């Protein structure tokens, strides 16, 4: 339903699956494995895979902590988007990358659920994209010492509320890895 003209394609958006971001993430290995399944499926179906990497003073560009986890290896032709804000669109070339590929629908995976994933989902929806969250392919770390709910609760709540997100001509939605369909 995207409101973006002539943008019928879907892309898999892999957000911040970097060593320091996910190493202590909730169910890290299962989430990374699910992302790997989706990357393989997207490649097989010739769906663009776009990799987003965050950097800031605590996550230095080019450092080992900044690198994408070793289980996931971007192919040379797959775009990388560098960001320094939560929303993957903010002050990046993501919109240009997606426009060049005719993408109006995103399937979103990665980290962290309560930061960059939520920001990117909302950023996509307000920019005219349909944005589907893969409920078992995103993670966050434990922030309960700062008053946040447990990671399980953060993930469950995000999956719940994103399932029903919509705006005029656009829709959100939450699916499991096994139910992802890039063609629709």
Protein backbone atom coordinates (compact mmCIF):
# COMPACT_ATOMS: atom_id res chain seq x y z
CA UNK A 1 0.00 0.00 0.00
CA UNK A 2 2.99 2.37 0.15
CA UNK A 3 2.28 5.99 -0.77
CA UNK A 4 5.53 6.19 -2.73
CA UNK A 5 4.90 6.30 -6.49
CA UNK A 6 6.57 3.70 -8.68
CA UNK A 7 8.07 1.91 -5.69
CA UNK A 8 6.64 -1.64 -5.88
CA UNK A 9 9.70 -3.45 -4.50
CA UNK A 10 10.55 -4.74 -1.05
CA UNK A 11 13.91 -4.61 0.72
CA UNK A 12 15.26 -6.36 3.79
CA UNK A 13 16.65 -3.67 6.11
CA UNK A 14 19.23 -5.08 8.55
CA UNK A 15 19.72 -2.48 11.28
CA UNK A 16 22.77 -2.32 13.56
CA UNK A 17 23.57 -6.03 13.83
CA UNK A 18 27.02 -5.02 15.02
CA UNK A 19 29.25 -6.73 17.56
CA UNK A 20 28.88 -4.23 20.41
CA UNK A 21 25.19 -3.64 19.73
CA UNK A 22 23.98 -7.25 19.82
CA UNK A 23 26.60 -9.19 21.77
CA UNK A 24 24.55 -8.98 24.97
CA UNK A 25 21.20 -8.81 23.21
CA UNK A 26 18.28 -10.91 24.38
CA UNK A 27 18.34 -14.30 22.61
CA UNK A 28 21.22 -12.99 20.51
CA UNK A 29 22.10 -16.25 18.76
CA UNK A 30 18.51 -17.06 17.78
CA UNK A 31 17.92 -13.52 16.52
CA UNK A 32 21.14 -13.51 14.46
CA UNK A 33 20.25 -16.94 13.06
CA UNK A 34 16.78 -15.69 12.05
CA UNK A 35 18.33 -12.67 10.37
CA UNK A 36 20.67 -15.02 8.53
CA UNK A 37 17.70 -17.05 7.28
CA UNK A 38 16.03 -13.88 6.01
CA UNK A 39 19.20 -12.61 4.33
CA UNK A 40 19.52 -15.96 2.53
CA UNK A 41 15.86 -15.90 1.48
CA UNK A 42 16.11 -12.31 0.25
CA UNK A 43 19.20 -13.08 -1.80
CA UNK A 44 17.58 -16.17 -3.30
CA UNK A 45 14.52 -14.11 -4.27
CA UNK A 46 16.70 -11.23 -5.55
CA UNK A 47 15.31 -8.86 -2.94
CA UNK A 48 17.68 -6.04 -1.97
CA UNK A 49 19.43 -6.46 1.38
CA UNK A 50 20.43 -3.11 2.88
CA UNK A 51 22.81 -3.05 5.85
CA UNK A 52 22.68 -0.18 8.34
CA UNK A 53 25.55 0.48 10.75
CA UNK A 54 25.54 2.92 13.65
CA UNK A 55 28.53 4.88 14.85
CA UNK A 56 29.03 7.53 17.52
CA UNK A 57 31.56 8.38 20.23
CA UNK A 58 30.87 5.08 22.00
CA UNK A 59 30.77 2.97 18.83
CA UNK A 60 33.72 4.05 16.74
CA UNK A 61 33.47 3.67 12.96
CA UNK A 62 35.85 0.94 11.79
CA UNK A 63 36.41 -0.62 15.22
CA UNK A 64 35.83 -4.29 15.97
CA UNK A 65 32.78 -3.34 18.07
CA UNK A 66 31.33 -1.46 15.07
CA UNK A 67 31.66 -4.38 12.63
CA UNK A 68 28.68 -6.50 11.62
CA UNK A 69 28.59 -9.78 13.56
CA UNK A 70 30.73 -12.51 11.96
CA UNK A 71 27.75 -14.79 11.31
CA UNK A 72 26.36 -12.28 8.81
CA UNK A 73 28.47 -11.25 5.83
CA UNK A 74 27.19 -8.56 3.49
CA UNK A 75 27.84 -9.22 -0.18
CA UNK A 76 29.95 -6.67 -2.03
CA UNK A 77 27.00 -5.34 -4.04
CA UNK A 78 24.73 -4.90 -1.03
CA UNK A 79 24.51 -1.28 0.12
CA UNK A 80 25.74 -0.17 3.52
CA UNK A 81 24.17 2.86 5.13
CA UNK A 82 26.14 4.65 7.85
CA UNK A 83 24.14 6.45 10.52
CA UNK A 84 24.61 8.29 13.78
CA UNK A 85 20.98 8.73 14.85
CA UNK A 86 18.36 6.18 15.83
CA UNK A 87 16.24 6.57 12.71
CA UNK A 88 18.11 4.92 9.82
CA UNK A 89 16.75 7.60 7.46
CA UNK A 90 17.97 10.58 9.48
CA UNK A 91 20.98 12.28 7.88
CA UNK A 92 21.81 9.21 5.74
CA UNK A 93 21.51 8.16 2.12
CA UNK A 94 18.98 5.40 2.91
CA UNK A 95 16.15 7.11 1.02
CA UNK A 96 18.36 7.42 -2.09
CA UNK A 97 19.44 3.77 -1.83
CA UNK A 98 15.82 2.62 -1.60
CA UNK A 99 14.56 4.94 -4.34
CA UNK A 100 17.22 3.66 -6.75
CA UNK A 101 15.87 0.14 -6.17
CA UNK A 102 12.19 1.08 -6.43
CA UNK A 103 11.57 0.09 -2.80
CA UNK A 104 8.34 1.14 -1.09
CA UNK A 105 8.10 -1.69 1.45
CA UNK A 106 10.62 -2.60 4.14
CA UNK A 107 11.07 -5.76 6.14
CA UNK A 108 12.97 -4.64 9.25
CA UNK A 109 15.27 -6.69 11.49
CA UNK A 110 18.11 -5.92 13.88
CA UNK A 111 18.82 -3.93 17.04
CA UNK A 112 18.06 -2.35 19.34
CA UNK A 113 14.32 -2.88 19.65
CA UNK A 114 13.62 0.11 21.89
CA UNK A 115 15.91 2.50 20.06
CA UNK A 116 16.97 2.20 16.43
CA UNK A 117 14.37 -0.40 15.43
CA UNK A 118 11.44 1.66 16.72
CA UNK A 119 12.90 4.89 15.35
CA UNK A 120 13.47 3.36 11.93
CA UNK A 121 10.01 1.78 11.76
CA UNK A 122 8.34 5.09 12.59
CA UNK A 123 10.70 6.95 10.26
CA UNK A 124 9.77 4.63 7.42
CA UNK A 125 6.03 4.93 8.00
CA UNK A 126 6.05 8.74 8.13
CA UNK A 127 8.11 8.83 4.93
CA UNK A 128 5.52 6.80 3.03
CA UNK A 129 6.87 3.24 3.35
CA UNK A 130 5.08 0.12 4.45
CA UNK A 131 7.24 -1.31 7.23
CA UNK A 132 6.99 -4.88 8.48
CA UNK A 133 8.82 -5.85 11.67
CA UNK A 134 10.06 -9.43 11.97
CA UNK A 135 9.08 -10.19 15.56
CA UNK A 136 11.68 -12.87 16.23
CA UNK A 137 14.52 -11.11 14.41
CA UNK A 138 15.15 -8.06 16.60
CA UNK A 139 16.71 -7.70 20.01
CA UNK A 140 17.72 -5.35 22.79
CA UNK A 141 19.89 -5.42 25.90
CA UNK A 142 18.71 -5.33 29.49
CA UNK A 143 18.08 -1.72 30.54
CA UNK A 144 16.08 -2.50 33.69
CA UNK A 145 18.64 -0.74 35.90
CA UNK A 146 17.51 2.52 34.25
CA UNK A 147 13.81 1.76 34.76
CA UNK A 148 13.06 0.05 31.46
CA UNK A 149 10.99 -3.12 31.24
CA UNK A 150 12.83 -6.41 30.74
CA UNK A 151 14.08 -7.17 27.21
CA UNK A 152 11.35 -9.80 26.82
CA UNK A 153 8.69 -7.20 27.65
CA UNK A 154 10.23 -4.56 25.37
CA UNK A 155 10.31 -7.00 22.45
CA UNK A 156 6.80 -8.34 23.11
CA UNK A 157 5.32 -4.85 23.44
CA UNK A 158 7.01 -3.62 20.25
CA UNK A 159 5.76 -6.67 18.36
CA UNK A 160 2.25 -6.07 19.69
CA UNK A 161 1.92 -2.39 18.94
CA UNK A 162 3.66 -2.53 15.56
CA UNK A 163 1.30 -5.29 14.42
CA UNK A 164 -1.49 -2.70 14.32
CA UNK A 165 0.34 0.38 13.02
CA UNK A 166 -1.13 2.11 10.01
CA UNK A 167 -1.37 5.52 8.42
CA UNK A 168 -3.23 6.72 5.34
CA UNK A 169 -2.00 4.58 2.48
CA UNK A 170 0.64 2.84 4.62
CA UNK A 171 0.80 -0.05 6.99
CA UNK A 172 3.02 -1.60 9.59
CA UNK A 173 2.75 -5.19 10.74
CA UNK A 174 4.63 -7.84 12.64
CA UNK A 175 5.41 -11.34 11.36
CA UNK A 176 7.64 -14.25 12.35
CA UNK A 177 10.71 -15.21 10.32
CA UNK A 178 8.95 -18.25 8.89
CA UNK A 179 6.05 -16.10 7.66
CA UNK A 180 8.04 -13.40 5.86
CA UNK A 181 6.98 -12.97 2.25
CA UNK A 182 9.03 -10.47 0.30
CA UNK A 183 6.57 -10.39 -2.60
CA UNK A 184 3.63 -8.98 -0.67
